[in-house]
Protein backbone atom coordinates (compact mmCIF):
# COMPACT_ATOMS: atom_id res chain seq x y z
CA MET A 1 118.61 79.79 152.32
CA SER A 2 122.09 81.35 152.41
CA ASN A 3 124.25 79.32 150.02
CA PHE A 4 123.61 79.22 146.29
CA LEU A 5 125.09 77.18 143.46
CA GLY A 6 124.75 78.18 139.81
CA ILE A 7 125.45 75.50 137.22
CA ASP A 8 126.07 76.19 133.55
CA VAL A 9 125.41 72.90 131.78
CA SER A 10 126.95 71.76 128.52
CA LYS A 11 127.16 68.33 126.91
CA ALA A 12 130.52 67.44 128.43
CA ARG A 13 131.00 69.83 131.36
CA LEU A 14 129.43 71.52 134.34
CA ASP A 15 130.72 74.97 135.18
CA VAL A 16 129.67 75.91 138.71
CA VAL A 17 129.88 78.97 140.90
CA LEU A 18 129.23 78.66 144.63
CA VAL A 19 128.05 81.77 146.48
CA ARG A 20 128.41 81.28 150.22
CA GLU A 21 126.48 82.96 152.99
CA ASP A 22 129.36 85.38 153.56
CA GLU A 23 129.04 86.30 149.81
CA SER A 24 132.43 84.74 148.97
CA ARG A 25 132.49 82.92 145.66
CA GLU A 26 134.26 79.89 144.25
CA ALA A 27 134.19 78.55 140.71
CA ALA A 28 134.90 75.00 139.58
CA GLN A 29 134.42 72.64 136.68
CA PHE A 30 133.26 69.03 136.59
CA GLU A 31 132.57 66.49 133.91
CA ASN A 32 128.92 66.01 133.03
CA THR A 33 129.10 62.35 133.99
CA ARG A 34 128.28 60.29 137.07
CA PRO A 35 131.91 60.40 138.29
CA GLY A 36 131.79 64.13 137.73
CA PHE A 37 128.60 64.35 139.84
CA ASP A 38 130.36 62.45 142.65
CA LYS A 39 133.23 64.96 142.55
CA LEU A 40 130.78 67.86 142.62
CA LEU A 41 129.05 66.35 145.64
CA ARG A 42 132.37 65.99 147.51
CA PHE A 43 133.17 69.62 146.56
CA LEU A 44 129.90 70.78 148.06
CA LYS A 45 130.09 68.69 151.22
CA LYS A 46 133.52 70.14 152.02
CA ARG A 47 132.36 73.73 151.58
CA VAL A 48 128.70 73.91 152.55
CA LYS A 49 127.53 72.89 156.01
CA THR A 50 124.14 74.61 155.90
CA ALA A 51 121.27 74.76 153.39
CA LEU A 52 122.08 75.07 149.68
CA HIS A 53 119.87 76.13 146.77
CA VAL A 54 121.06 74.83 143.40
CA CYS A 55 119.97 76.42 140.17
CA LEU A 56 120.48 75.44 136.52
CA GLU A 57 118.79 76.26 133.25
CA ALA A 58 116.46 73.86 131.49
CA THR A 59 118.69 72.43 128.76
CA GLY A 60 116.98 69.16 127.92
CA HIS A 61 118.70 65.89 128.72
CA TYR A 62 122.16 67.44 129.32
CA GLY A 63 121.01 68.80 132.69
CA ASP A 64 118.45 66.18 133.70
CA GLU A 65 120.83 63.77 135.33
CA VAL A 66 122.71 66.28 137.50
CA ALA A 67 119.45 67.86 138.60
CA LEU A 68 118.10 64.50 139.67
CA PHE A 69 121.42 63.56 141.34
CA LEU A 70 121.54 66.72 143.45
CA HIS A 71 117.84 66.49 144.30
CA GLU A 72 118.36 62.94 145.56
CA ALA A 73 121.41 64.19 147.53
CA GLY A 74 119.00 66.36 149.50
CA TYR A 75 119.58 69.79 147.98
CA VAL A 76 116.87 72.20 146.85
CA VAL A 77 117.14 72.30 143.05
CA SER A 78 115.51 74.78 140.68
CA VAL A 79 115.45 74.18 136.91
CA VAL A 80 114.64 77.53 135.32
CA ASN A 81 113.72 78.89 131.93
CA PRO A 82 116.88 80.23 130.18
CA ALA A 83 114.88 83.28 129.02
CA GLN A 84 114.32 84.29 132.66
CA VAL A 85 118.06 84.13 133.38
CA LYS A 86 118.85 86.10 130.20
CA SER A 87 116.32 88.80 131.12
CA TYR A 88 117.81 88.98 134.56
CA GLY A 89 121.30 89.35 133.14
CA ASP A 90 120.14 92.09 130.76
CA SER A 91 118.58 93.95 133.70
CA GLN A 92 121.92 93.74 135.51
CA LEU A 93 123.78 95.02 132.38
CA ARG A 94 125.88 91.86 132.22
CA ARG A 95 127.91 91.90 129.03
CA THR A 96 130.67 89.32 129.48
CA LYS A 97 129.56 85.87 128.43
CA THR A 98 131.65 82.83 129.35
CA ASP A 99 130.70 79.52 130.91
CA ALA A 100 132.00 80.72 134.28
CA SER A 101 130.15 84.06 134.01
CA ASP A 102 126.98 82.23 133.03
CA ALA A 103 127.27 80.05 136.13
CA ALA A 104 127.80 83.16 138.26
CA LEU A 105 124.75 84.80 136.66
CA ILE A 106 122.65 81.72 137.40
CA ALA A 107 123.86 81.72 141.01
CA ASP A 108 122.93 85.40 141.37
CA PHE A 109 119.53 84.78 139.78
CA CYS A 110 118.97 81.98 142.30
CA ARG A 111 120.06 84.20 145.21
CA THR A 112 117.90 87.18 144.32
CA GLN A 113 114.88 85.64 142.63
CA LYS A 114 114.41 82.52 144.76
CA PRO A 115 112.92 80.36 142.00
CA ALA A 116 110.57 77.57 142.95
CA ALA A 117 111.96 74.15 143.82
CA TRP A 118 111.98 71.60 141.00
CA GLN A 119 110.38 68.23 141.44
CA PRO A 120 111.75 65.41 139.24
CA PRO A 121 109.32 63.71 136.91
CA ALA A 122 107.80 60.44 138.04
CA PRO A 123 109.77 57.32 137.02
CA GLU A 124 107.24 56.46 134.32
CA VAL A 125 107.62 59.94 132.83
CA ARG A 126 111.43 59.67 132.90
CA GLU A 127 111.12 56.33 131.05
CA LEU A 128 108.78 57.97 128.50
CA GLN A 129 111.39 60.75 128.08
CA ALA A 130 114.07 58.12 127.37
CA LEU A 131 111.86 56.34 124.83
CA LEU A 132 110.92 59.58 123.04
CA ARG A 133 114.51 60.86 122.95
CA HIS A 134 115.66 57.57 121.46
CA TRP A 135 112.86 57.93 118.88
CA GLU A 136 114.17 61.39 117.97
CA ALA A 137 117.70 60.01 117.63
CA LEU A 138 116.45 57.29 115.27
CA ILE A 139 114.61 59.86 113.17
CA HIS A 140 117.82 61.91 112.93
CA MET A 141 119.92 58.90 111.91
CA ARG A 142 117.34 57.87 109.29
CA GLN A 143 117.27 61.35 107.78
CA GLN A 144 121.07 61.35 107.59
CA GLU A 145 120.99 58.11 105.62
CA VAL A 146 118.25 59.41 103.32
CA ASN A 147 120.35 62.50 102.63
CA ARG A 148 123.36 60.30 101.82
CA ARG A 149 121.26 58.20 99.43
CA GLN A 150 120.09 61.36 97.65
CA ALA A 151 123.59 62.86 97.46
CA GLY A 152 124.40 61.25 94.08
CA ILE A 153 126.42 58.27 95.35
CA GLU A 154 127.13 55.99 92.39
CA SER A 155 128.51 52.97 94.18
CA PRO A 156 125.92 50.16 94.19
CA VAL A 157 127.63 48.64 97.25
CA VAL A 158 127.36 51.84 99.26
CA LEU A 159 123.77 52.43 98.14
CA GLU A 160 122.84 48.93 99.18
CA ALA A 161 124.47 49.43 102.61
CA ILE A 162 122.59 52.70 103.07
CA GLN A 163 119.27 51.09 102.14
CA LEU A 164 119.92 48.20 104.55
CA HIS A 165 120.58 50.71 107.32
CA ILE A 166 117.38 52.61 106.51
CA THR A 167 115.40 49.39 106.59
CA PHE A 168 116.97 48.48 109.93
CA LEU A 169 116.14 51.90 111.35
CA ASP A 170 112.55 51.63 110.12
CA GLN A 171 112.23 48.32 111.97
CA GLN A 172 113.74 49.89 115.11
CA MET A 173 111.24 52.75 114.89
CA ASP A 174 108.31 50.35 114.46
CA ASP A 175 109.47 48.41 117.51
CA LEU A 176 109.93 51.57 119.54
CA ARG A 177 106.48 52.85 118.59
CA THR A 178 105.06 49.61 119.93
CA ARG A 179 107.06 49.96 123.17
CA ILE A 180 105.77 53.52 123.63
CA ARG A 181 102.16 52.33 123.28
CA GLN A 182 102.84 49.48 125.71
CA HIS A 183 104.33 51.97 128.16
CA PHE A 184 101.12 53.98 128.15
CA ASP A 185 99.10 50.76 128.61
CA GLN A 186 101.12 50.08 131.79
CA TYR A 187 100.23 53.45 133.33
CA PRO A 188 96.48 54.21 133.08
CA GLN A 189 96.83 57.78 134.38
CA LEU A 190 99.46 58.55 131.75
CA ARG A 191 97.28 56.92 129.08
CA GLN A 192 94.34 59.06 130.18
CA GLN A 193 96.42 62.22 129.79
CA ARG A 194 97.54 61.09 126.33
CA ASP A 195 93.95 60.37 125.31
CA LEU A 196 92.85 63.84 126.46
CA LEU A 197 95.61 65.44 124.40
CA THR A 198 94.84 63.39 121.29
CA SER A 199 91.22 64.51 121.53
CA ILE A 200 92.53 67.95 120.45
CA PRO A 201 92.42 68.23 116.63
CA GLY A 202 95.91 68.06 115.15
CA ILE A 203 97.59 66.28 118.06
CA GLY A 204 98.53 62.66 117.34
CA GLU A 205 99.84 59.98 119.66
CA LEU A 206 103.54 60.83 119.24
CA THR A 207 102.97 64.57 119.68
CA ALA A 208 100.95 63.87 122.83
CA ALA A 209 103.73 61.58 124.08
CA ARG A 210 106.32 64.32 123.46
CA LEU A 211 104.25 66.87 125.35
CA LEU A 212 103.81 64.54 128.33
CA ALA A 213 107.48 63.59 128.35
CA GLU A 214 109.03 67.03 128.00
CA LEU A 215 106.67 69.67 129.42
CA PRO A 216 106.44 70.31 133.17
CA HIS A 217 103.45 68.85 134.92
CA TRP A 218 100.25 70.69 134.03
CA ALA A 219 99.70 71.70 137.64
CA SER A 220 102.86 73.84 137.51
CA PHE A 221 101.23 76.25 135.05
CA THR A 222 99.36 79.15 136.61
CA SER A 223 97.22 80.06 133.59
CA PRO A 224 96.28 78.77 130.13
CA ASN A 225 98.68 81.25 128.57
């Protein structure tokens, strides 16, 4: 593989550095949106006529969509542990830190270390991710409202509105918990993995669901450690 693309992912933007087979480099920026992905794909098709290895750090949901998009476009994609890239940068005595320099570092890491190709989660796991991430968002919103209620607000109208919102969020969370259980019921293999995890003392259903949604597939680990 002789062309490499490093992507530094943030919530709103993708900073990319393309390293071509002749070792020339080109940096660009794109929005972290589907129209931005389309522009990135056009950028690549104009400049890369041979194989391309794309590399980005695991950053949660901010990088999931672009990784899946480029995988489905036919490119080899690696999603790597940020600690590996940082260690590589330290070994190269890289001191400057900007989004563009991070993308260049990721491209160089990809070129020299040849990380393993990433495989996207199965559709049922991606749906579980979406359900669990929405659950986390609801928890965050509920805690914000609880904090407001405890902040010494004296207005009865505002307090009533806050309590109504908390009650609404509680109902949403109850509904979502039911949907998560129904999701497992639809996929026996996923349910079996959840049941194995919950057989471990201290791991409940939601913790097991989080592990199954966010960790790489168990087969990708080479040892218990």
